[in-house]
Amino acid sequence: ITRLLADAALALPAVRRRPALTGMAAPGRLRTRLGRRSPRLMARRRR
């Protein structure tokens, strides 16, 4: 159902003209921060 609704919505010209509206164009705050500074958690496995 979600895929069906999304396919129908993303096919609309008004949605194509506004990529930010889809929610896919922006990576999100958490992903952006992780992209700037990738965590090095496995180096502290003993901790």
All heavy atoms as atom14 arrays in JSON, in Angstrom:
{
  "sequence": "ITRLLADAALALPAVRRRPALTGMAAPGRLRTRLGRRSPRLMARRRR",
  "atom14_mask": [
    [1, 1, 1, 1, 1, 1, 1, 1, 0, 0, 0, 0, 0, 0],
    [1, 1, 1, 1, 1, 1, 1, 0, 0, 0, 0, 0, 0, 0],
    [1, 1, 1, 1, 1, 1, 1, 1, 1, 1, 1, 0, 0, 0],
    [1, 1, 1, 1, 1, 1, 1, 1, 0, 0, 0, 0, 0, 0],
    [1, 1, 1, 1, 1, 1, 1, 1, 0, 0, 0, 0, 0, 0],
    [1, 1, 1, 1, 1, 0, 0, 0, 0, 0, 0, 0, 0, 0],
    [1, 1, 1, 1, 1, 1, 1, 1, 0, 0, 0, 0, 0, 0],
    [1, 1, 1, 1, 1, 0, 0, 0, 0, 0, 0, 0, 0, 0],
    [1, 1, 1, 1, 1, 0, 0, 0, 0, 0, 0, 0, 0, 0],
    [1, 1, 1, 1, 1, 1, 1, 1, 0, 0, 0, 0, 0, 0],
    [1, 1, 1, 1, 1, 0, 0, 0, 0, 0, 0, 0, 0, 0],
    [1, 1, 1, 1, 1, 1, 1, 1, 0, 0, 0, 0, 0, 0],
    [1, 1, 1, 1, 1, 1, 1, 0, 0, 0, 0, 0, 0, 0],
    [1, 1, 1, 1, 1, 0, 0, 0, 0, 0, 0, 0, 0, 0],
    [1, 1, 1, 1, 1, 1, 1, 0, 0, 0, 0, 0, 0, 0],
    [1, 1, 1, 1, 1, 1, 1, 1, 1, 1, 1, 0, 0, 0],
    [1, 1, 1, 1, 1, 1, 1, 1, 1, 1, 1, 0, 0, 0],
    [1, 1, 1, 1, 1, 1, 1, 1, 1, 1, 1, 0, 0, 0],
    [1, 1, 1, 1, 1, 1, 1, 0, 0, 0, 0, 0, 0, 0],
    [1, 1, 1, 1, 1, 0, 0, 0, 0, 0, 0, 0, 0, 0],
    [1, 1, 1, 1, 1, 1, 1, 1, 0, 0, 0, 0, 0, 0],
    [1, 1, 1, 1, 1, 1, 1, 0, 0, 0, 0, 0, 0, 0],
    [1, 1, 1, 1, 0, 0, 0, 0, 0, 0, 0, 0, 0, 0],
    [1, 1, 1, 1, 1, 1, 1, 1, 0, 0, 0, 0, 0, 0],
    [1, 1, 1, 1, 1, 0, 0, 0, 0, 0, 0, 0, 0, 0],
    [1, 1, 1, 1, 1, 0, 0, 0, 0, 0, 0, 0, 0, 0],
    [1, 1, 1, 1, 1, 1, 1, 0, 0, 0, 0, 0, 0, 0],
    [1, 1, 1, 1, 0, 0, 0, 0, 0, 0, 0, 0, 0, 0],
    [1, 1, 1, 1, 1, 1, 1, 1, 1, 1, 1, 0, 0, 0],
    [1, 1, 1, 1, 1, 1, 1, 1, 0, 0, 0, 0, 0, 0],
    [1, 1, 1, 1, 1, 1, 1, 1, 1, 1, 1, 0, 0, 0],
    [1, 1, 1, 1, 1, 1, 1, 0, 0, 0, 0, 0, 0, 0],
    [1, 1, 1, 1, 1, 1, 1, 1, 1, 1, 1, 0, 0, 0],
    [1, 1, 1, 1, 1, 1, 1, 1, 0, 0, 0, 0, 0, 0],
    [1, 1, 1, 1, 0, 0, 0, 0, 0, 0, 0, 0, 0, 0],
    [1, 1, 1, 1, 1, 1, 1, 1, 1, 1, 1, 0, 0, 0],
    [1, 1, 1, 1, 1, 1, 1, 1, 1, 1, 1, 0, 0, 0],
    [1, 1, 1, 1, 1, 1, 0, 0, 0, 0, 0, 0, 0, 0],
    [1, 1, 1, 1, 1, 1, 1, 0, 0, 0, 0, 0, 0, 0],
    [1, 1, 1, 1, 1, 1, 1, 1, 1, 1, 1, 0, 0, 0],
    [1, 1, 1, 1, 1, 1, 1, 1, 0, 0, 0, 0, 0, 0],
    [1, 1, 1, 1, 1, 1, 1, 1, 0, 0, 0, 0, 0, 0],
    [1, 1, 1, 1, 1, 0, 0, 0, 0, 0, 0, 0, 0, 0],
    [1, 1, 1, 1, 1, 1, 1, 1, 1, 1, 1, 0, 0, 0],
    [1, 1, 1, 1, 1, 1, 1, 1, 1, 1, 1, 0, 0, 0],
    [1, 1, 1, 1, 1, 1, 1, 1, 1, 1, 1, 0, 0, 0],
    [1, 1, 1, 1, 1, 1, 1, 1, 1, 1, 1, 0, 0, 0]
  ],
  "atom14_positions": [
    [[0.83, -1.21, 0.0], [0.0, 0.0, 0.0], [0.86, 1.26, 0.0], [0.62, 2.19, -0.79], [-0.96, -0.02, 1.21], [-1.93, -1.2, 1.08], [-1.72, 1.29, 1.32], [-2.89, -1.34, 2.23], [0.0, 0.0, 0.0], [0.0, 0.0, 0.0], [0.0, 0.0, 0.0], [0.0, 0.0, 0.0], [0.0, 0.0, 0.0], [0.0, 0.0, 0.0]],
    [[1.87, 1.31, 0.88], [2.74, 2.5, 0.89], [3.42, 2.68, -0.46], [3.51, 3.81, -0.98], [3.79, 2.38, 2.0], [3.14, 2.25, 3.26], [4.68, 3.61, 2.03], [0.0, 0.0, 0.0], [0.0, 0.0, 0.0], [0.0, 0.0, 0.0], [0.0, 0.0, 0.0], [0.0, 0.0, 0.0], [0.0, 0.0, 0.0], [0.0, 0.0, 0.0]],
    [[3.89, 1.6, -1.04], [4.57, 1.7, -2.34], [3.61, 2.18, -3.42], [3.98, 3.0, -4.28], [5.17, 0.36, -2.71], [5.99, 0.41, -4.0], [6.74, -0.87, -4.23], [7.6, -0.76, -5.4], [8.41, -1.72, -5.82], [8.46, -2.86, -5.16], [9.17, -1.56, -6.89], [0.0, 0.0, 0.0], [0.0, 0.0, 0.0], [0.0, 0.0, 0.0]],
    [[2.39, 1.68, -3.38], [1.4, 2.09, -4.38], [1.1, 3.58, -4.26], [1.08, 4.32, -5.26], [0.13, 1.27, -4.19], [-1.01, 1.53, -5.19], [-0.59, 1.05, -6.57], [-2.27, 0.82, -4.75], [0.0, 0.0, 0.0], [0.0, 0.0, 0.0], [0.0, 0.0, 0.0], [0.0, 0.0, 0.0], [0.0, 0.0, 0.0], [0.0, 0.0, 0.0]],
    [[0.88, 4.06, -3.03], [0.59, 5.47, -2.81], [1.78, 6.34, -3.2], [1.62, 7.41, -3.82], [0.22, 5.72, -1.35], [-1.08, 5.07, -0.86], [-1.24, 5.29, 0.65], [-2.28, 5.63, -1.59], [0.0, 0.0, 0.0], [0.0, 0.0, 0.0], [0.0, 0.0, 0.0], [0.0, 0.0, 0.0], [0.0, 0.0, 0.0], [0.0, 0.0, 0.0]],
    [[2.99, 5.88, -2.87], [4.19, 6.66, -3.18], [4.42, 6.74, -4.69], [4.76, 7.81, -5.22], [5.4, 6.06, -2.48], [0.0, 0.0, 0.0], [0.0, 0.0, 0.0], [0.0, 0.0, 0.0], [0.0, 0.0, 0.0], [0.0, 0.0, 0.0], [0.0, 0.0, 0.0], [0.0, 0.0, 0.0], [0.0, 0.0, 0.0], [0.0, 0.0, 0.0]],
    [[4.24, 5.64, -5.38], [4.42, 5.65, -6.84], [3.45, 6.63, -7.49], [3.82, 7.38, -8.41], [4.2, 4.25, -7.4], [5.4, 3.35, -7.17], [6.49, 3.88, -6.92], [5.23, 2.12, -7.21], [0.0, 0.0, 0.0], [0.0, 0.0, 0.0], [0.0, 0.0, 0.0], [0.0, 0.0, 0.0], [0.0, 0.0, 0.0], [0.0, 0.0, 0.0]],
    [[2.2, 6.62, -7.02], [1.21, 7.52, -7.59], [1.55, 8.98, -7.31], [1.41, 9.86, -8.18], [-0.18, 7.19, -7.05], [0.0, 0.0, 0.0], [0.0, 0.0, 0.0], [0.0, 0.0, 0.0], [0.0, 0.0, 0.0], [0.0, 0.0, 0.0], [0.0, 0.0, 0.0], [0.0, 0.0, 0.0], [0.0, 0.0, 0.0], [0.0, 0.0, 0.0]],
    [[2.0, 9.26, -6.08], [2.3, 10.65, -5.72], [3.55, 11.16, -6.44], [3.58, 12.31, -6.92], [2.49, 10.75, -4.2], [0.0, 0.0, 0.0], [0.0, 0.0, 0.0], [0.0, 0.0, 0.0], [0.0, 0.0, 0.0], [0.0, 0.0, 0.0], [0.0, 0.0, 0.0], [0.0, 0.0, 0.0], [0.0, 0.0, 0.0], [0.0, 0.0, 0.0]],
    [[4.58, 10.33, -6.53], [5.83, 10.77, -7.16], [5.71, 10.93, -8.66], [6.59, 11.53, -9.3], [6.95, 9.79, -6.82], [7.36, 9.71, -5.35], [8.43, 8.66, -5.14], [7.83, 11.06, -4.83], [0.0, 0.0, 0.0], [0.0, 0.0, 0.0], [0.0, 0.0, 0.0], [0.0, 0.0, 0.0], [0.0, 0.0, 0.0], [0.0, 0.0, 0.0]],
    [[4.67, 10.38, -9.24], [4.47, 10.55, -10.69], [3.83, 11.89, -11.02], [3.78, 12.28, -12.19], [3.59, 9.41, -11.21], [0.0, 0.0, 0.0], [0.0, 0.0, 0.0], [0.0, 0.0, 0.0], [0.0, 0.0, 0.0], [0.0, 0.0, 0.0], [0.0, 0.0, 0.0], [0.0, 0.0, 0.0], [0.0, 0.0, 0.0], [0.0, 0.0, 0.0]],
    [[3.34, 12.64, -10.02], [2.68, 13.92, -10.26], [3.71, 14.99, -10.63], [4.77, 15.09, -9.98], [1.91, 14.36, -9.01], [0.76, 13.44, -8.57], [0.16, 13.94, -7.26], [-0.31, 13.36, -9.65], [0.0, 0.0, 0.0], [0.0, 0.0, 0.0], [0.0, 0.0, 0.0], [0.0, 0.0, 0.0], [0.0, 0.0, 0.0], [0.0, 0.0, 0.0]],
    [[3.45, 15.81, -11.65], [4.4, 16.86, -12.04], [4.67, 17.84, -10.9], [5.81, 18.32, -10.75], [3.7, 17.55, -13.22], [2.77, 16.5, -13.76], [2.31, 15.71, -12.58], [0.0, 0.0, 0.0], [0.0, 0.0, 0.0], [0.0, 0.0, 0.0], [0.0, 0.0, 0.0], [0.0, 0.0, 0.0], [0.0, 0.0, 0.0], [0.0, 0.0, 0.0]],
    [[3.68, 18.17, -10.11], [3.88, 19.13, -9.02], [4.89, 18.61, -8.01], [5.66, 19.38, -7.43], [2.53, 19.42, -8.34], [0.0, 0.0, 0.0], [0.0, 0.0, 0.0], [0.0, 0.0, 0.0], [0.0, 0.0, 0.0], [0.0, 0.0, 0.0], [0.0, 0.0, 0.0], [0.0, 0.0, 0.0], [0.0, 0.0, 0.0], [0.0, 0.0, 0.0]],
    [[4.91, 17.3, -7.79], [5.86, 16.71, -6.86], [7.26, 16.69, -7.47], [8.26, 16.96, -6.79], [5.41, 15.29, -6.46], [6.47, 14.62, -5.59], [4.08, 15.34, -5.74], [0.0, 0.0, 0.0], [0.0, 0.0, 0.0], [0.0, 0.0, 0.0], [0.0, 0.0, 0.0], [0.0, 0.0, 0.0], [0.0, 0.0, 0.0], [0.0, 0.0, 0.0]],
    [[7.36, 16.41, -8.77], [8.68, 16.37, -9.42], [9.34, 17.74, -9.39], [10.56, 17.84, -9.31], [8.53, 15.89, -10.86], [8.09, 14.45, -10.99], [8.18, 13.99, -12.43], [7.78, 12.6, -12.59], [7.93, 11.91, -13.71], [8.47, 12.48, -14.77], [7.55, 10.64, -13.77], [0.0, 0.0, 0.0], [0.0, 0.0, 0.0], [0.0, 0.0, 0.0]],
    [[8.52, 18.8, -9.46], [9.09, 20.14, -9.45], [9.57, 20.55, -8.06], [10.31, 21.52, -7.93], [8.06, 21.15, -9.96], [7.76, 21.04, -11.45], [6.99, 22.24, -11.93], [5.7, 22.38, -11.27], [4.56, 21.87, -11.74], [4.57, 21.17, -12.87], [3.44, 22.05, -11.08], [0.0, 0.0, 0.0], [0.0, 0.0, 0.0], [0.0, 0.0, 0.0]],
    [[9.15, 19.83, -7.03], [9.51, 20.18, -5.65], [10.15, 18.95, -4.98], [9.52, 18.25, -4.19], [8.28, 20.61, -4.86], [7.6, 21.85, -5.44], [6.31, 22.13, -4.69], [5.65, 23.32, -5.17], [4.83, 23.36, -6.23], [4.6, 22.23, -6.92], [4.27, 24.49, -6.61], [0.0, 0.0, 0.0], [0.0, 0.0, 0.0], [0.0, 0.0, 0.0]],
    [[11.39, 18.64, -5.31], [12.02, 17.42, -4.77], [12.12, 17.42, -3.25], [12.11, 16.35, -2.64], [13.42, 17.43, -5.43], [13.64, 18.85, -5.83], [12.3, 19.4, -6.2], [0.0, 0.0, 0.0], [0.0, 0.0, 0.0], [0.0, 0.0, 0.0], [0.0, 0.0, 0.0], [0.0, 0.0, 0.0], [0.0, 0.0, 0.0], [0.0, 0.0, 0.0]],
    [[12.24, 18.62, -2.65], [12.33, 18.65, -1.18], [11.05, 18.14, -0.53], [11.07, 17.65, 0.61], [12.63, 20.07, -0.7], [0.0, 0.0, 0.0], [0.0, 0.0, 0.0], [0.0, 0.0, 0.0], [0.0, 0.0, 0.0], [0.0, 0.0, 0.0], [0.0, 0.0, 0.0], [0.0, 0.0, 0.0], [0.0, 0.0, 0.0], [0.0, 0.0, 0.0]],
    [[9.93, 18.24, -1.27], [8.65, 17.8, -0.71], [8.61, 16.29, -0.52], [7.91, 15.78, 0.37], [7.52, 18.24, -1.65], [6.09, 17.94, -1.21], [5.75, 18.71, 0.06], [5.1, 18.29, -2.32], [0.0, 0.0, 0.0], [0.0, 0.0, 0.0], [0.0, 0.0, 0.0], [0.0, 0.0, 0.0], [0.0, 0.0, 0.0], [0.0, 0.0, 0.0]],
    [[9.38, 15.56, -1.32], [9.3, 14.09, -1.25], [9.89, 13.53, 0.04], [9.52, 12.44, 0.47], [10.05, 13.47, -2.44], [11.46, 13.79, -2.33], [9.51, 13.99, -3.76], [0.0, 0.0, 0.0], [0.0, 0.0, 0.0], [0.0, 0.0, 0.0], [0.0, 0.0, 0.0], [0.0, 0.0, 0.0], [0.0, 0.0, 0.0], [0.0, 0.0, 0.0]],
    [[10.84, 14.26, 0.63], [11.5, 13.73, 1.82], [12.73, 12.93, 1.49], [13.46, 12.52, 2.41], [0.0, 0.0, 0.0], [0.0, 0.0, 0.0], [0.0, 0.0, 0.0], [0.0, 0.0, 0.0], [0.0, 0.0, 0.0], [0.0, 0.0, 0.0], [0.0, 0.0, 0.0], [0.0, 0.0, 0.0], [0.0, 0.0, 0.0], [0.0, 0.0, 0.0]],
    [[12.99, 12.65, 0.19], [14.18, 11.89, -0.19], [15.37, 12.78, -0.48], [16.52, 12.35, -0.31], [13.88, 11.03, -1.42], [12.86, 9.93, -1.2], [12.68, 8.86, -2.65], [12.01, 10.01, -3.86], [0.0, 0.0, 0.0], [0.0, 0.0, 0.0], [0.0, 0.0, 0.0], [0.0, 0.0, 0.0], [0.0, 0.0, 0.0], [0.0, 0.0, 0.0]],
    [[15.13, 14.01, -0.9], [16.22, 14.88, -1.33], [17.1, 15.28, -0.16], [18.32, 15.39, -0.3], [15.67, 16.13, -2.02], [0.0, 0.0, 0.0], [0.0, 0.0, 0.0], [0.0, 0.0, 0.0], [0.0, 0.0, 0.0], [0.0, 0.0, 0.0], [0.0, 0.0, 0.0], [0.0, 0.0, 0.0], [0.0, 0.0, 0.0], [0.0, 0.0, 0.0]],
    [[16.51, 15.5, 1.02], [17.28, 15.89, 2.19], [17.73, 14.63, 2.94], [16.91, 13.76, 3.23], [16.43, 16.77, 3.11], [0.0, 0.0, 0.0], [0.0, 0.0, 0.0], [0.0, 0.0, 0.0], [0.0, 0.0, 0.0], [0.0, 0.0, 0.0], [0.0, 0.0, 0.0], [0.0, 0.0, 0.0], [0.0, 0.0, 0.0], [0.0, 0.0, 0.0]],
    [[19.02, 14.5, 3.27], [19.49, 13.29, 3.94], [19.06, 13.2, 5.39], [19.12, 12.11, 5.98], [21.01, 13.41, 3.83], [21.28, 14.87, 3.72], [20.12, 15.43, 2.95], [0.0, 0.0, 0.0], [0.0, 0.0, 0.0], [0.0, 0.0, 0.0], [0.0, 0.0, 0.0], [0.0, 0.0, 0.0], [0.0, 0.0, 0.0], [0.0, 0.0, 0.0]],
    [[18.63, 14.31, 6.0], [18.26, 14.28, 7.41], [19.4, 14.77, 8.28], [20.58, 14.62, 7.94], [0.0, 0.0, 0.0], [0.0, 0.0, 0.0], [0.0, 0.0, 0.0], [0.0, 0.0, 0.0], [0.0, 0.0, 0.0], [0.0, 0.0, 0.0], [0.0, 0.0, 0.0], [0.0, 0.0, 0.0], [0.0, 0.0, 0.0], [0.0, 0.0, 0.0]],
    [[19.06, 15.36, 9.42], [20.08, 15.96, 10.28], [21.06, 14.92, 10.81], [22.27, 15.13, 10.82], [19.4, 16.68, 11.44], [18.59, 17.89, 11.01], [17.99, 18.57, 12.22], [17.19, 19.73, 11.82], [16.53, 20.51, 12.68], [16.58, 20.25, 13.99], [15.84, 21.54, 12.24], [0.0, 0.0, 0.0], [0.0, 0.0, 0.0], [0.0, 0.0, 0.0]],
    [[20.52, 13.78, 11.29], [21.4, 12.77, 11.87], [22.36, 12.21, 10.84], [23.56, 12.05, 11.1], [20.56, 11.66, 12.51], [21.34, 10.55, 13.22], [22.21, 11.12, 14.33], [20.38, 9.51, 13.78], [0.0, 0.0, 0.0], [0.0, 0.0, 0.0], [0.0, 0.0, 0.0], [0.0, 0.0, 0.0], [0.0, 0.0, 0.0], [0.0, 0.0, 0.0]],
    [[21.84, 11.92, 9.64], [22.71, 11.37, 8.6], [23.76, 12.41, 8.17], [24.9, 12.05, 7.87], [21.85, 10.94, 7.4], [22.63, 10.16, 6.35], [21.7, 9.77, 5.21], [20.66, 8.86, 5.66], [20.84, 7.54, 5.78], [22.01, 7.01, 5.5], [19.85, 6.78, 6.19], [0.0, 0.0, 0.0], [0.0, 0.0, 0.0], [0.0, 0.0, 0.0]],
    [[23.36, 13.69, 8.14], [24.31, 14.74, 7.77], [25.45, 14.83, 8.78], [26.63, 14.94, 8.42], [23.59, 16.09, 7.67], [22.54, 15.98, 6.69], [24.55, 17.19, 7.26], [0.0, 0.0, 0.0], [0.0, 0.0, 0.0], [0.0, 0.0, 0.0], [0.0, 0.0, 0.0], [0.0, 0.0, 0.0], [0.0, 0.0, 0.0], [0.0, 0.0, 0.0]],
    [[25.1, 14.79, 10.06], [26.13, 14.86, 11.09], [27.05, 13.64, 11.05], [28.27, 13.76, 11.22], [25.48, 14.98, 12.46], [24.78, 16.31, 12.7], [24.18, 16.39, 14.08], [23.52, 17.66, 14.29], [22.89, 17.99, 15.42], [22.85, 17.12, 16.43], [22.32, 19.17, 15.54], [0.0, 0.0, 0.0], [0.0, 0.0, 0.0], [0.0, 0.0, 0.0]],
    [[26.46, 12.47, 10.83], [27.28, 11.26, 10.75], [28.18, 11.3, 9.52], [29.29, 10.75, 9.53], [26.38, 10.02, 10.7], [25.61, 9.71, 12.0], [24.63, 8.56, 11.77], [26.58, 9.35, 13.12], [0.0, 0.0, 0.0], [0.0, 0.0, 0.0], [0.0, 0.0, 0.0], [0.0, 0.0, 0.0], [0.0, 0.0, 0.0], [0.0, 0.0, 0.0]],
    [[27.71, 11.95, 8.43], [28.54, 12.07, 7.24], [29.74, 12.97, 7.44], [30.81, 12.77, 6.86], [0.0, 0.0, 0.0], [0.0, 0.0, 0.0], [0.0, 0.0, 0.0], [0.0, 0.0, 0.0], [0.0, 0.0, 0.0], [0.0, 0.0, 0.0], [0.0, 0.0, 0.0], [0.0, 0.0, 0.0], [0.0, 0.0, 0.0], [0.0, 0.0, 0.0]],
    [[29.57, 14.01, 8.29], [30.68, 14.91, 8.56], [31.75, 14.24, 9.42], [32.95, 14.46, 9.25], [30.17, 16.16, 9.27], [29.27, 17.03, 8.41], [28.68, 18.14, 9.26], [27.72, 18.94, 8.5], [26.87, 19.78, 9.07], [26.87, 19.94, 10.39], [26.03, 20.47, 8.33], [0.0, 0.0, 0.0], [0.0, 0.0, 0.0], [0.0, 0.0, 0.0]],
    [[31.27, 13.46, 10.38], [32.22, 12.83, 11.31], [31.77, 11.4, 11.57], [30.92, 11.14, 12.41], [32.27, 13.62, 12.62], [33.32, 13.1, 13.58], [33.35, 13.94, 14.83], [34.34, 13.45, 15.76], [34.56, 13.98, 16.97], [33.85, 15.04, 17.35], [35.48, 13.47, 17.77], [0.0, 0.0, 0.0], [0.0, 0.0, 0.0], [0.0, 0.0, 0.0]],
    [[32.33, 10.48, 10.81], [31.93, 9.07, 10.94], [32.39, 8.52, 12.28], [33.54, 8.75, 12.69], [32.55, 8.25, 9.8], [32.17, 6.9, 9.92], [0.0, 0.0, 0.0], [0.0, 0.0, 0.0], [0.0, 0.0, 0.0], [0.0, 0.0, 0.0], [0.0, 0.0, 0.0], [0.0, 0.0, 0.0], [0.0, 0.0, 0.0], [0.0, 0.0, 0.0]],
    [[31.53, 7.84, 12.99], [31.91, 7.31, 14.31], [32.95, 6.2, 14.18], [32.96, 5.44, 13.21], [30.59, 6.75, 14.86], [29.8, 6.41, 13.64], [30.15, 7.45, 12.63], [0.0, 0.0, 0.0], [0.0, 0.0, 0.0], [0.0, 0.0, 0.0], [0.0, 0.0, 0.0], [0.0, 0.0, 0.0], [0.0, 0.0, 0.0], [0.0, 0.0, 0.0]],
    [[33.84, 6.12, 15.14], [34.85, 5.06, 15.18], [34.6, 4.25, 16.45], [35.39, 4.27, 17.41], [36.25, 5.65, 15.15], [36.56, 6.37, 13.83], [38.01, 6.83, 13.77], [38.95, 5.75, 13.97], [39.33, 4.9, 13.03], [38.82, 5.0, 11.8], [40.2, 3.95, 13.3], [0.0, 0.0, 0.0], [0.0, 0.0, 0.0], [0.0, 0.0, 0.0]],
    [[33.47, 3.55, 16.45], [33.03, 2.81, 17.63], [33.79, 1.51, 17.79], [34.08, 1.07, 18.91], [31.53, 2.53, 17.54], [30.62, 3.75, 17.47], [29.18, 3.32, 17.22], [30.71, 4.56, 18.75], [0.0, 0.0, 0.0], [0.0, 0.0, 0.0], [0.0, 0.0, 0.0], [0.0, 0.0, 0.0], [0.0, 0.0, 0.0], [0.0, 0.0, 0.0]],
    [[34.11, 0.85, 16.69], [34.71, -0.48, 16.78], [36.16, -0.43, 17.29], [36.68, -1.44, 17.76], [34.68, -1.18, 15.41], [33.28, -1.38, 14.87], [32.18, -2.26, 16.0], [31.0, -0.97, 16.43], [0.0, 0.0, 0.0], [0.0, 0.0, 0.0], [0.0, 0.0, 0.0], [0.0, 0.0, 0.0], [0.0, 0.0, 0.0], [0.0, 0.0, 0.0]],
    [[36.75, 0.74, 17.22], [38.1, 0.86, 17.75], [38.1, 0.83, 19.28], [39.15, 0.65, 19.9], [38.74, 2.16, 17.26], [0.0, 0.0, 0.0], [0.0, 0.0, 0.0], [0.0, 0.0, 0.0], [0.0, 0.0, 0.0], [0.0, 0.0, 0.0], [0.0, 0.0, 0.0], [0.0, 0.0, 0.0], [0.0, 0.0, 0.0], [0.0, 0.0, 0.0]],
    [[36.94, 1.03, 19.88], [36.83, 1.04, 21.35], [36.01, -0.17, 21.82], [35.21, -0.07, 22.75], [36.18, 2.33, 21.82], [36.93, 3.59, 21.38], [36.2, 4.84, 21.86], [36.92, 6.04, 21.48], [36.76, 6.68, 20.33], [35.92, 6.19, 19.41], [37.44, 7.78, 20.06], [0.0, 0.0, 0.0], [0.0, 0.0, 0.0], [0.0, 0.0, 0.0]],
    [[36.22, -1.29, 21.18], [35.4, -2.46, 21.5], [35.55, -2.87, 22.96], [34.58, -3.24, 23.61], [35.77, -3.63, 20.59], [35.48, -3.39, 19.12], [35.48, -4.69, 18.34], [36.77, -5.35, 18.37], [37.77, -5.08, 17.52], [37.62, -4.14, 16.61], [38.91, -5.75, 17.58], [0.0, 0.0, 0.0], [0.0, 0.0, 0.0], [0.0, 0.0, 0.0]],
    [[36.75, -2.83, 23.48], [36.95, -3.26, 24.86], [36.17, -2.37, 25.84], [35.65, -2.85, 26.85], [38.44, -3.23, 25.2], [39.24, -4.3, 24.47], [40.69, -4.28, 24.92], [41.47, -5.31, 24.24], [42.77, -5.51, 24.44], [43.44, -4.73, 25.3], [43.41, -6.47, 23.79], [0.0, 0.0, 0.0], [0.0, 0.0, 0.0], [0.0, 0.0, 0.0]],
    [[36.09, -1.1, 25.52], [35.33, -0.2, 26.39], [33.86, -0.59, 26.43], [33.25, -0.63, 27.49], [35.48, 1.25, 25.9], [34.7, 2.26, 26.71], [34.81, 3.64, 26.12], [36.21, 4.09, 26.06], [36.58, 5.26, 25.55], [35.66, 6.07, 25.02], [37.85, 5.6, 25.54], [0.0, 0.0, 0.0], [0.0, 0.0, 0.0], [0.0, 0.0, 0.0]]
  ]
}
